[in-house]
């Protein structure tokens, strides 16, 4: 972004931003795997359910199904 010519500033998409960052500091930024994000959400959901004394087994079964699918997607990449 140029402070003197602000009218010429444009947005950058993720790929362009990653290239620019790697040029500035010499390292390539890593991409967060979607499976890790999904697992973090599952753990947060389990913690929330435990903190609020949720005893409905349907919620836990849905989380179990989601976590299995996530593990299967991750193992298929290897």
Protein backbone atom coordinates (compact mmCIF):
# COMPACT_ATOMS: atom_id res chain seq x y z
CA UNK A 1 0.00 0.00 0.00
CA UNK A 2 1.36 3.34 -1.00
CA UNK A 3 0.61 6.25 1.31
CA UNK A 4 1.38 8.88 -1.33
CA UNK A 5 -0.79 7.35 -4.04
CA UNK A 6 -3.68 5.95 -2.04
CA UNK A 7 -6.06 6.16 -4.98
CA UNK A 8 -4.01 3.47 -6.75
CA UNK A 9 -4.17 0.94 -3.89
CA UNK A 10 -5.83 -2.38 -4.67
CA UNK A 11 -6.80 -5.44 -2.70
CA UNK A 12 -4.68 -8.59 -2.76
CA UNK A 13 -6.02 -12.12 -2.82
CA UNK A 14 -4.52 -14.78 -0.56
CA UNK A 15 -2.08 -16.18 -3.11
CA UNK A 16 -0.69 -12.74 -3.96
CA UNK A 17 -0.40 -11.84 -0.29
CA UNK A 18 1.51 -15.07 0.41
CA UNK A 19 3.92 -14.30 -2.44
CA UNK A 20 4.49 -10.77 -1.17
CA UNK A 21 5.11 -11.97 2.38
CA UNK A 22 7.58 -14.58 1.20
CA UNK A 23 9.46 -11.93 -0.78
CA UNK A 24 9.69 -9.62 2.25
CA UNK A 25 10.91 -12.09 4.85
CA UNK A 26 12.26 -15.00 2.81
CA UNK A 27 9.93 -17.64 4.22
CA UNK A 28 6.89 -19.19 2.65
CA UNK A 29 3.74 -18.91 4.77
CA UNK A 30 2.08 -22.26 5.38
CA UNK A 31 -1.55 -22.97 4.67
CA UNK A 32 -3.67 -24.22 7.52
CA UNK A 33 -5.26 -27.53 6.67
CA UNK A 34 -9.06 -27.53 6.79
CA UNK A 35 -9.01 -30.74 8.84
CA UNK A 36 -7.12 -29.00 11.65
CA UNK A 37 -9.67 -26.18 11.68
CA UNK A 38 -12.51 -28.71 11.78
CA UNK A 39 -10.91 -30.61 14.65
CA UNK A 40 -10.43 -27.38 16.60
CA UNK A 41 -14.14 -26.61 16.16
CA UNK A 42 -15.09 -30.12 17.30
CA UNK A 43 -12.96 -29.81 20.43
CA UNK A 44 -14.47 -26.39 21.16
CA UNK A 45 -17.97 -27.86 20.73
CA UNK A 46 -17.23 -30.74 23.09
CA UNK A 47 -15.84 -28.33 25.66
CA UNK A 48 -18.92 -26.12 25.33
CA UNK A 49 -21.27 -29.07 25.77
CA UNK A 50 -19.35 -30.25 28.81
CA UNK A 51 -19.29 -26.79 30.42
CA UNK A 52 -23.06 -26.40 29.97
CA UNK A 53 -23.93 -29.91 31.18
CA UNK A 54 -25.39 -31.00 27.86
CA UNK A 55 -26.35 -34.65 28.18
CA UNK A 56 -28.13 -35.04 24.85
CA UNK A 57 -26.44 -37.95 23.12
CA UNK A 58 -27.55 -36.74 19.66
CA UNK A 59 -25.14 -33.79 19.83
CA UNK A 60 -22.25 -36.05 20.76
CA UNK A 61 -23.15 -38.51 17.99
CA UNK A 62 -23.11 -35.69 15.44
CA UNK A 63 -19.67 -34.61 16.66
CA UNK A 64 -18.47 -38.21 16.47
CA UNK A 65 -19.64 -38.49 12.86
CA UNK A 66 -17.99 -35.18 11.93
CA UNK A 67 -14.71 -36.14 13.57
CA UNK A 68 -14.66 -39.52 11.80
CA UNK A 69 -15.22 -37.85 8.44
CA UNK A 70 -12.43 -35.40 9.20
CA UNK A 71 -10.00 -38.18 10.12
CA UNK A 72 -10.92 -40.12 6.98
CA UNK A 73 -10.29 -37.07 4.77
CA UNK A 74 -6.94 -36.53 6.48
CA UNK A 75 -5.85 -40.13 6.15
CA UNK A 76 -6.79 -40.21 2.47
CA UNK A 77 -4.36 -37.34 1.78
CA UNK A 78 -1.36 -39.32 3.00
